[in-house]
Protein backbone atom coordinates (compact mmCIF):
# COMPACT_ATOMS: atom_id res chain seq x y z
CA MET A 1 -8.63 26.55 3.19
CA ASP A 2 -7.25 24.06 5.78
CA LEU A 3 -3.85 23.36 5.51
CA MET A 4 -4.64 19.56 5.45
CA ASP A 5 -6.49 20.01 2.33
CA HIS A 6 -2.87 20.70 0.55
CA GLY A 7 -1.23 18.03 -0.82
CA ALA A 8 2.72 16.92 0.22
CA VAL A 9 4.00 18.71 -3.05
CA ALA A 10 1.95 21.76 -2.17
CA LEU A 11 2.76 22.02 1.54
CA ALA A 12 6.42 21.83 0.93
CA ALA A 13 6.37 24.84 -1.57
CA LEU A 14 4.62 26.71 1.00
CA VAL A 15 7.14 25.93 3.71
CA ARG A 16 9.85 27.09 1.50
CA ARG A 17 8.00 30.13 0.47
CA LYS A 18 7.52 30.98 4.52
CA GLU A 19 4.03 31.14 3.77
CA ALA A 20 3.28 28.11 6.31
CA SER A 21 5.44 27.11 9.01
CA PRO A 22 6.16 23.33 10.07
CA VAL A 23 4.60 24.27 13.23
CA GLU A 24 1.83 25.26 11.98
CA ILE A 25 1.38 22.16 9.11
CA VAL A 26 1.77 19.85 12.20
CA GLN A 27 -0.73 21.48 14.30
CA ALA A 28 -3.24 21.12 11.67
CA ALA A 29 -2.46 17.19 10.97
CA LEU A 30 -2.74 16.87 14.89
CA ALA A 31 -6.03 18.56 14.99
CA ARG A 32 -7.68 16.90 12.05
CA ILE A 33 -6.70 13.57 13.60
CA GLU A 34 -8.54 14.65 16.66
CA ALA A 35 -11.62 15.82 14.70
CA ARG A 36 -11.52 12.32 13.30
CA ARG A 37 -11.29 10.36 16.04
CA GLU A 38 -14.20 8.14 15.14
CA ILE A 39 -12.19 6.72 12.18
CA ASN A 40 -9.55 4.78 14.08
CA ALA A 41 -6.87 5.51 11.98
CA PHE A 42 -3.94 5.70 14.54
CA ILE A 43 -2.93 3.50 17.40
CA THR A 44 -0.32 6.00 18.64
CA VAL A 45 -0.16 9.55 18.04
CA THR A 46 3.13 11.00 18.44
CA ALA A 47 2.01 14.57 19.14
CA ASP A 48 4.96 16.22 21.32
CA GLN A 49 7.77 14.56 19.22
CA ALA A 50 6.03 15.69 16.18
CA LEU A 51 5.91 19.46 17.34
CA ALA A 52 9.26 19.32 18.57
CA ALA A 53 10.49 18.33 15.23
CA ALA A 54 8.13 21.14 13.74
CA ARG A 55 9.73 23.64 16.11
CA ARG A 56 13.45 22.39 14.76
CA ALA A 57 12.25 22.33 11.33
CA GLU A 58 11.09 25.79 11.46
CA ALA A 59 14.07 26.99 12.74
CA ALA A 60 16.05 25.39 10.11
CA VAL A 61 13.84 27.44 7.28
CA MET A 62 14.48 30.78 9.19
CA ALA A 63 17.94 30.16 9.48
CA GLY A 64 18.09 29.42 5.91
CA GLU A 65 19.39 26.11 5.93
CA PRO A 66 19.40 23.73 3.21
CA LEU A 67 15.94 21.80 3.14
CA GLY A 68 14.88 18.17 2.23
CA PRO A 69 12.28 17.34 -0.31
CA LEU A 70 9.85 16.51 2.48
CA HIS A 71 10.82 19.52 5.07
CA GLY A 72 8.41 19.92 7.67
CA ILE A 73 5.77 17.61 6.08
CA PRO A 74 3.90 15.21 8.46
CA TYR A 75 3.24 11.62 7.82
CA SER A 76 2.32 8.63 9.15
CA VAL A 77 3.76 5.21 9.67
CA LYS A 78 1.85 1.61 9.60
CA ASP A 79 2.50 -0.05 12.94
CA LEU A 80 4.17 -3.15 11.23
CA THR A 81 6.95 -1.03 10.29
CA LEU A 82 9.96 -0.09 12.88
CA THR A 83 10.00 3.26 14.26
CA ALA A 84 12.77 4.41 16.73
CA GLY A 85 11.67 5.36 20.30
CA VAL A 86 7.96 4.84 19.29
CA ARG A 87 5.92 1.97 20.24
CA THR A 88 5.76 -0.56 17.37
CA THR A 89 3.21 -3.57 17.94
CA MET A 90 2.41 -5.38 14.73
CA GLY A 91 -1.13 -4.72 15.62
CA SER A 92 -0.76 -7.86 18.20
CA ALA A 93 -0.43 -8.39 22.04
CA ILE A 94 2.77 -10.31 21.34
CA HIS A 95 4.59 -6.81 20.67
CA GLU A 96 2.22 -4.61 22.84
CA ASP A 97 4.80 -2.92 24.63
CA PHE A 98 8.08 -3.26 21.66
CA VAL A 99 9.58 0.15 21.60
CA PRO A 100 12.12 -0.53 18.57
CA LYS A 101 15.99 1.10 18.98
CA ASP A 102 16.14 1.94 15.13
CA ASP A 103 13.99 2.94 12.54
CA ALA A 104 13.17 0.87 9.29
CA VAL A 105 14.79 1.97 6.39
CA ALA A 106 11.99 3.82 4.80
CA VAL A 107 11.42 5.70 7.74
CA ALA A 108 15.08 6.61 8.40
CA ARG A 109 15.28 8.26 4.87
CA ALA A 110 11.55 9.72 5.27
CA LYS A 111 13.14 11.35 8.72
CA ALA A 112 16.50 12.48 6.49
CA ALA A 113 14.56 13.90 3.82
CA GLY A 114 12.81 16.43 6.46
CA ALA A 115 9.42 14.37 6.96
CA ILE A 116 7.91 14.54 10.54
CA LEU A 117 6.38 11.73 11.52
CA ILE A 118 2.46 12.00 13.76
CA GLY A 119 2.18 8.64 14.30
CA LYS A 120 1.34 5.01 13.95
CA THR A 121 -1.58 3.33 11.94
CA LEU A 122 -3.82 0.65 13.00
CA THR A 123 -3.25 -2.97 11.07
CA PRO A 124 -4.58 -6.29 11.72
CA GLU A 125 -2.05 -8.80 13.53
CA PHE A 126 0.86 -9.16 11.39
CA GLY A 127 -1.20 -7.85 8.38
CA HIS A 128 -2.26 -10.98 8.17
CA LYS A 129 -6.15 -10.56 7.04
CA GLN A 130 -8.28 -8.36 4.64
CA VAL A 131 -10.52 -6.85 7.64
CA PRO A 132 -9.58 -3.99 9.42
CA THR A 133 -9.42 -4.70 13.22
CA ALA A 134 -6.94 -5.29 15.60
CA PRO A 135 -7.94 -7.06 19.00
CA LEU A 136 -6.11 -4.47 20.84
CA PHE A 137 -7.29 -1.31 18.93
CA GLY A 138 -10.72 -2.08 17.63
CA ARG A 139 -11.47 -1.42 13.92
CA THR A 140 -10.75 1.39 11.45
CA LEU A 141 -13.50 2.87 9.50
CA ASN A 142 -13.77 4.16 5.93
CA PRO A 143 -13.90 8.11 5.75
CA ILE A 144 -15.85 7.63 2.53
CA ASN A 145 -18.38 5.61 3.66
CA PRO A 146 -17.94 3.99 7.46
CA ALA A 147 -20.85 1.33 6.64
CA TYR A 148 -18.01 -0.19 4.10
CA THR A 149 -14.42 -1.52 4.63
CA PRO A 150 -11.35 0.60 4.14
CA GLY A 151 -9.34 -2.15 2.75
CA ALA A 152 -6.27 -3.91 4.92
CA SER A 153 -3.93 -4.48 6.24
CA SER A 154 -2.60 -0.66 5.47
CA SER A 155 -6.13 0.11 6.87
CA GLY A 156 -5.21 2.94 9.15
CA ALA A 157 -2.60 4.57 6.58
CA ALA A 158 -4.97 4.69 3.61
CA ALA A 159 -8.05 6.19 6.31
CA ALA A 160 -5.77 8.56 7.61
CA VAL A 161 -4.47 9.89 4.01
CA ALA A 162 -8.21 9.93 2.72
CA ALA A 163 -9.42 12.04 6.00
CA GLY A 164 -6.58 14.44 5.40
CA MET A 165 -4.81 13.25 8.82
CA GLY A 166 -1.57 14.30 6.73
CA PRO A 167 -0.86 14.01 3.14
CA LEU A 168 1.67 11.10 3.45
CA ALA A 169 1.63 7.60 4.72
CA LEU A 170 4.18 4.68 4.95
CA GLY A 171 2.40 1.31 4.17
CA THR A 172 3.32 -2.48 3.79
CA ASP A 173 2.22 -4.67 0.95
CA GLY A 174 1.89 -8.19 1.39
CA GLY A 175 -0.48 -9.22 -1.09
CA GLY A 176 -1.92 -6.08 -1.93
CA SER A 177 -2.09 -4.23 1.39
CA ILE A 178 -1.16 -0.61 0.09
CA ARG A 179 -3.28 -1.20 -3.05
CA ILE A 180 -6.18 -2.49 -1.69
CA PRO A 181 -7.02 0.11 1.16
CA ALA A 182 -5.57 2.72 -1.27
CA ALA A 183 -8.63 1.64 -3.89
CA CYS A 184 -10.85 1.42 -1.12
CA CYS A 185 -10.21 4.98 0.33
CA GLY A 186 -9.83 6.54 -3.38
CA ILE A 187 -5.97 7.47 -3.10
CA VAL A 188 -2.66 6.18 -4.51
CA GLY A 189 -0.52 3.66 -3.41
CA LEU A 190 2.51 2.01 -4.51
CA LYS A 191 4.27 -1.42 -4.26
CA ALA A 192 7.73 -0.86 -5.68
CA THR A 193 10.16 -3.43 -7.38
CA LEU A 194 11.74 -6.20 -4.85
CA GLY A 195 14.90 -4.35 -3.43
CA VAL A 196 13.94 -0.60 -4.49
CA VAL A 197 12.37 0.02 -1.10
CA PRO A 198 14.63 -2.07 0.89
CA HIS A 199 12.61 -3.63 3.51
CA LEU A 200 14.84 -5.55 6.21
CA GLN A 201 12.26 -6.58 8.68
CA ALA A 202 11.46 -9.63 6.40
CA PRO A 203 12.65 -12.60 7.91
CA ASP A 204 13.61 -14.51 5.04
CA LEU A 205 15.04 -11.47 2.70
CA TYR A 206 15.66 -13.94 -0.31
CA SER A 207 11.94 -15.07 -0.49
CA ALA A 208 10.37 -11.50 0.63
CA ASN A 209 7.07 -10.78 -0.59
CA SER A 210 6.38 -8.09 1.77
CA PHE A 211 7.07 -4.30 0.74
CA THR A 212 6.93 -0.93 2.36
CA GLY A 213 5.64 1.83 0.26
CA PRO A 214 3.77 5.27 -0.13
CA MET A 215 0.36 6.26 -0.05
CA ALA A 216 -0.90 9.80 -0.91
CA ARG A 217 -3.89 11.55 -2.60
CA ASP A 218 -2.33 12.04 -6.04
CA VAL A 219 0.25 10.63 -8.06
CA ALA A 220 2.74 13.57 -7.57
CA ASP A 221 2.58 13.25 -3.68
CA THR A 222 3.31 9.24 -3.69
CA ARG A 223 6.34 10.25 -6.00
CA LEU A 224 7.65 12.87 -3.67
CA LEU A 225 7.75 9.95 -0.50
CA PHE A 226 9.00 7.09 -3.11
CA GLU A 227 11.75 9.19 -4.07
CA ALA A 228 12.88 10.01 -0.65
CA ILE A 229 13.02 6.49 0.45
CA ALA A 230 13.76 4.43 -2.60
CA GLY A 231 17.60 3.11 -3.51
CA PHE A 232 19.45 0.23 -3.00
CA ASP A 233 20.87 -1.25 0.33
CA ALA A 234 23.72 -3.62 0.41
CA ARG A 235 22.22 -5.04 3.21
CA ASP A 236 19.11 -6.65 1.08
CA PRO A 237 19.96 -9.07 -1.26
CA TRP A 238 17.69 -7.96 -3.79
CA GLY A 239 19.02 -4.27 -3.44
CA ALA A 240 22.47 -4.86 -3.41
CA GLY A 241 23.26 -4.44 -7.14
CA SER A 242 22.48 -1.69 -9.90
CA ALA A 243 19.15 -1.43 -11.77
CA PRO A 244 19.33 -0.99 -15.53
CA PRO A 245 19.23 2.64 -16.86
CA ARG A 246 15.97 4.47 -16.15
CA ARG A 247 13.51 4.66 -18.86
CA ALA A 248 12.96 7.87 -20.28
CA ALA A 249 9.46 9.51 -18.89
CA PRO A 250 6.65 9.18 -21.74
CA VAL A 251 5.92 12.67 -22.72
CA SER A 252 1.91 11.52 -23.73
CA LEU A 253 0.27 8.24 -23.56
CA ARG A 254 0.39 7.88 -27.55
CA GLY A 255 2.19 4.93 -28.70
CA LEU A 256 2.24 3.33 -24.88
CA ARG A 257 1.44 -0.31 -25.30
CA VAL A 258 -1.08 -1.28 -22.86
CA ALA A 259 -1.85 -5.11 -21.72
CA TRP A 260 -5.44 -5.11 -20.55
CA LEU A 261 -6.97 -7.30 -17.89
CA PRO A 262 -10.21 -6.98 -16.91
CA SER A 263 -10.40 -10.24 -15.28
CA ALA A 264 -7.91 -12.84 -13.90
CA GLY A 265 -10.13 -15.89 -14.01
CA ASN A 266 -12.88 -14.11 -11.54
CA ARG A 267 -16.54 -12.34 -11.72
CA VAL A 268 -16.12 -8.64 -11.85
CA ASP A 269 -18.33 -6.28 -10.45
CA PRO A 270 -20.52 -4.39 -13.47
CA GLU A 271 -19.74 -0.98 -11.78
CA VAL A 272 -15.88 -2.30 -11.86
CA GLU A 273 -15.69 -3.38 -15.12
CA ALA A 274 -17.43 -0.03 -16.38
CA LEU A 275 -15.22 2.48 -14.75
CA THR A 276 -11.84 0.64 -15.08
CA GLY A 277 -12.92 -0.13 -18.97
CA ALA A 278 -13.62 4.17 -19.29
CA ALA A 279 -10.05 4.55 -17.85
CA VAL A 280 -8.59 2.43 -20.42
CA GLN A 281 -10.71 3.75 -22.97
CA ALA A 282 -9.72 7.34 -22.22
CA MET A 283 -6.20 6.39 -22.44
CA ALA A 284 -6.80 4.62 -25.75
CA ARG A 285 -8.36 8.14 -26.68
CA GLU A 286 -4.55 9.56 -25.79
CA GLY A 287 -3.45 7.27 -28.14
CA ALA A 288 -2.04 4.36 -26.25
CA ILE A 289 -2.44 1.08 -27.98
CA VAL A 290 -4.73 -1.44 -25.90
CA GLU A 291 -5.00 -5.12 -26.15
CA THR A 292 -7.05 -7.40 -24.10
CA VAL A 293 -4.97 -10.16 -22.47
CA GLN A 294 -5.61 -13.36 -20.72
CA LEU A 295 -4.10 -14.36 -17.34
CA ASP A 296 -5.02 -16.72 -14.73
CA PHE A 297 -4.25 -15.33 -11.36
CA VAL A 298 -7.26 -16.89 -9.30
CA SER A 299 -5.36 -20.23 -9.53
CA LEU A 300 -2.26 -18.75 -7.97
CA GLU A 301 -4.52 -18.45 -4.48
CA LYS A 302 -3.87 -21.56 -3.02
CA HIS A 303 0.05 -21.19 -3.56
CA PHE A 304 0.03 -17.73 -2.05
CA LEU A 305 -1.80 -18.91 1.22
CA VAL A 306 0.93 -21.80 1.57
CA VAL A 307 3.50 -19.21 1.59
CA LEU A 308 1.53 -16.65 3.66
CA GLN A 309 0.22 -19.47 6.47
CA SER A 310 3.70 -20.99 6.59
CA LEU A 311 5.29 -17.55 7.25
CA LEU A 312 2.74 -16.67 10.03
CA ALA A 313 3.37 -20.15 11.60
CA ALA A 314 7.06 -19.65 11.61
CA ARG A 315 7.02 -16.25 13.16
CA VAL A 316 3.96 -16.27 15.41
CA GLY A 317 3.63 -20.16 16.35
CA ALA A 318 5.79 -20.38 19.17
CA ASN A 319 3.71 -17.69 20.90
CA LEU A 320 0.42 -19.45 20.60
CA GLU A 321 0.53 -20.69 24.07
CA ARG A 322 1.16 -17.90 25.83
CA PHE A 323 -0.64 -15.34 24.04
CA GLY A 324 -3.40 -17.72 22.25
CA ASN A 325 -6.37 -16.05 24.44
CA ARG A 326 -5.44 -12.40 23.26
CA LEU A 327 -4.85 -13.40 19.52
CA ASP A 328 -7.21 -12.80 16.52
CA ALA A 329 -9.25 -16.25 15.71
CA SER A 330 -8.19 -15.78 12.26
CA LEU A 331 -4.72 -15.36 13.24
CA ILE A 332 -4.46 -18.36 15.06
CA ASP A 333 -6.03 -20.61 12.36
CA ALA A 334 -3.52 -19.19 9.61
CA VAL A 335 -1.11 -20.65 11.74
CA GLN A 336 -2.58 -23.84 12.49
CA LYS A 337 -2.94 -24.41 8.48
CA GLY A 338 0.61 -22.92 8.03
CA ARG A 339 1.91 -25.82 10.40
CA ARG A 340 0.40 -28.51 8.33
CA HIS A 341 1.78 -27.36 5.11
CA THR A 342 5.03 -29.57 4.07
CA ALA A 343 7.97 -28.47 2.28
CA VAL A 344 6.94 -29.86 -0.88
CA ASP A 345 3.93 -27.53 -0.50
CA LEU A 346 6.31 -24.48 -0.12
CA HIS A 347 8.43 -25.82 -2.88
CA GLU A 348 5.49 -26.22 -5.15
CA ALA A 349 4.40 -22.97 -4.17
CA THR A 350 7.77 -21.38 -5.11
CA PHE A 351 7.45 -23.29 -8.76
CA ALA A 352 4.30 -21.59 -9.10
CA LYS A 353 5.67 -18.08 -8.67
CA THR A 354 8.29 -18.74 -10.68
CA ARG A 355 5.70 -19.70 -13.23
CA CYS A 356 4.15 -16.43 -12.72
CA PHE A 357 6.85 -14.51 -13.13
CA ASN A 358 8.10 -16.05 -16.35
CA GLU A 359 4.64 -15.31 -17.75
CA LEU A 360 4.81 -11.22 -16.68
CA GLN A 361 8.45 -11.19 -17.92
CA ALA A 362 6.85 -12.42 -21.61
CA LEU A 363 4.06 -10.27 -21.20
CA PHE A 364 6.21 -7.05 -20.94
CA GLU A 365 8.04 -8.15 -23.86
CA ARG A 366 5.62 -6.81 -26.23
CA PHE A 367 3.41 -4.29 -23.75
CA ASP A 368 4.92 -1.62 -21.27
CA VAL A 369 2.28 -1.57 -18.55
CA LEU A 370 -0.42 -4.55 -17.45
CA VAL A 371 -3.69 -2.68 -16.30
CA SER A 372 -6.42 -4.00 -14.32
CA PRO A 373 -9.00 -3.44 -11.92
CA THR A 374 -7.29 -3.23 -8.54
CA LEU A 375 -10.57 -5.11 -6.94
CA SER A 376 -13.13 -7.08 -8.79
CA ALA A 377 -15.84 -5.25 -6.84
CA PRO A 378 -16.11 -1.94 -4.60
CA PRO A 379 -15.31 -1.77 -1.18
CA LEU A 380 -17.21 -4.83 0.89
CA PRO A 381 -19.43 -4.08 3.71
CA ILE A 382 -17.37 -3.29 6.75
CA ASP A 383 -19.44 -5.79 8.80
CA MET A 384 -19.18 -8.90 5.85
CA ASP A 385 -17.47 -12.01 7.04
CA VAL A 386 -14.56 -12.38 4.39
CA SER A 387 -13.59 -15.65 6.06
CA GLY A 388 -16.17 -17.19 3.79
CA GLU A 389 -17.27 -16.79 0.43
CA ILE A 390 -18.26 -13.35 -0.76
CA GLU A 391 -20.52 -12.03 -2.97
CA ILE A 392 -19.93 -9.83 -6.04
CA ALA A 393 -23.17 -8.38 -7.56
CA GLY A 394 -25.12 -10.09 -5.22
CA ARG A 395 -23.96 -13.35 -6.53
CA PRO A 396 -21.68 -15.74 -4.83
CA ALA A 397 -18.18 -15.50 -6.21
CA GLY A 398 -15.76 -17.38 -4.14
CA THR A 399 -13.12 -16.72 -1.08
CA VAL A 400 -12.05 -12.97 -0.55
CA ARG A 401 -8.46 -13.18 -2.13
CA GLY A 402 -9.33 -15.14 -5.27
CA ALA A 403 -12.63 -13.21 -5.73
CA TRP A 404 -11.99 -9.83 -4.61
CA TYR A 405 -8.35 -8.93 -4.69
CA PRO A 406 -6.55 -11.73 -7.60
CA TYR A 407 -5.08 -8.75 -9.35
CA THR A 408 -2.92 -7.98 -6.60
CA TYR A 409 -1.19 -10.57 -4.67
CA PRO A 410 0.60 -12.12 -7.89
CA MET A 411 2.69 -9.12 -7.88
CA ASN A 412 4.04 -9.97 -4.46
CA LEU A 413 4.81 -13.01 -5.48
CA THR A 414 7.04 -11.88 -8.57
CA GLY A 415 8.28 -8.54 -7.10
CA HIS A 416 6.75 -6.42 -10.02
CA PRO A 417 5.95 -2.91 -9.22
CA ALA A 418 2.09 -2.05 -8.87
CA LEU A 419 0.30 0.94 -8.22
CA SER A 420 -3.23 1.38 -7.18
CA MET A 421 -4.77 4.84 -8.37
CA PRO A 422 -8.78 6.22 -8.51
CA CYS A 423 -10.58 5.78 -11.74
CA GLY A 424 -14.32 6.94 -10.47
CA ARG A 425 -16.87 5.91 -8.07
CA SER A 426 -19.73 3.94 -7.78
CA ALA A 427 -23.21 4.91 -7.89
CA ILE A 428 -23.38 5.12 -4.18
CA GLY A 429 -19.88 6.90 -4.14
CA LEU A 430 -17.70 4.53 -3.21
CA PRO A 431 -14.29 4.67 -4.81
CA ILE A 432 -12.81 2.50 -7.72
CA GLY A 433 -9.10 1.78 -8.35
CA LEU A 434 -7.43 0.78 -11.20
CA GLN A 435 -4.15 -0.71 -11.01
CA LEU A 436 -1.06 -0.38 -13.08
CA VAL A 437 2.10 -2.86 -13.04
CA GLY A 438 5.04 -2.40 -14.88
CA ARG A 439 8.43 -4.36 -15.68
CA TRP A 440 11.21 -4.56 -12.80
CA TYR A 441 12.56 -1.61 -11.92
CA ASP A 442 10.36 0.43 -13.79
CA ASP A 443 8.87 2.16 -10.70
CA HIS A 444 9.33 5.45 -12.02
CA TYR A 445 8.55 4.89 -15.41
CA LEU A 446 5.12 3.39 -13.90
CA LEU A 447 4.27 6.71 -12.05
CA ASP A 448 5.34 8.76 -14.85
CA VAL A 449 2.36 6.39 -16.68
CA ALA A 450 -0.08 6.95 -13.82
CA GLY A 451 0.53 10.83 -13.97
CA LEU A 452 -0.73 10.65 -17.36
CA VAL A 453 -3.26 8.72 -16.63
CA GLU A 454 -4.29 11.00 -13.98
CA GLN A 455 -4.54 13.66 -16.21
CA ALA A 456 -6.60 12.04 -18.88
CA LEU A 457 -9.36 10.77 -16.25
CA GLY A 458 -9.40 14.43 -14.88
């Protein structure tokens, strides 16, 4: 069995038992990256640094030194996230040669836990769009079926994990960018509660809606990376206080109060409806108390776009004149639209965000988790033009955000933790994702429930 067919939990146990060395594990990851180059998951592969770190990790094992929970385990980092001494491009010509001096908080914590960076994964420019391409680096393919999208904007991260190029990845999520690729590639991805994984790169920490989070092939591996990178940081205004006491882990699904949201005002593909519905039925057979609820998330799309486009205009707008001919046309379009939004538009978006937060808080007074499809349809064809109207089940359905992933971006606006996990495959073998959403600071509880759902689904 190839070492890359093992998950992170299993590999960590092999390292501790001296049945596999960190050098062997990193070599196996690098070999898999080379063997699956056609997927184009990586912008930068840090082979020399990774092998040097693996040799140090192996020496620590042989010397009997204390080992961190991720000791010797390879992982990748999306190229939006800072990595000290390793080029971080944001997928853009603007930062083509940028080499940070410091690690992002999550990267530093993963390193302290013993993880070994094997490279930076592909992202659209500044993670701005739901297409797995970047002008400098080309297109990432879905390892399940290259004719369909791997999702975005953590495209390379999801593809790398799904293809076994390392068991763990750090992605970022500004509107579903961890959960969407996780659903498209058949893996698990977690966007934690705002502030639980500090994300100090955000230019506006007070109105932050972008998150750094773990991606892995199962819930246990996702938890392993999450627990290594989570923890409050006084430099983050959302992470400077103390969380409420952690909820006790449920021992079963019996009695779990589930709010089931099959549609959020959007059309749902019949296969997605059937498979996610079957997952909820499996929860009910284990004793969960399921009630169908109605929420309108589609109407939030215009407000989400105001936030996203205004942010891009502020961050990128000054570079248009110098780099315009080297930037993605859709990024330029988003910046120009952002420039036309007014302060009133931005405040109205904030008001809508607050209304959604209050609606979810009221819902969680009655329920333990909110469950929905992650996406309203299986992965879209990779060549589809998602700048216009998309089709679901052969019928025009609306714009990509409002029609395909209205379930994900509201949780970026409100800060609630949300996780996507596989719940089956379509008739042609495309992965289908199930989203679980929890109360603020219920990240561990959400992982506990996801593990029980994983068992129930077999």
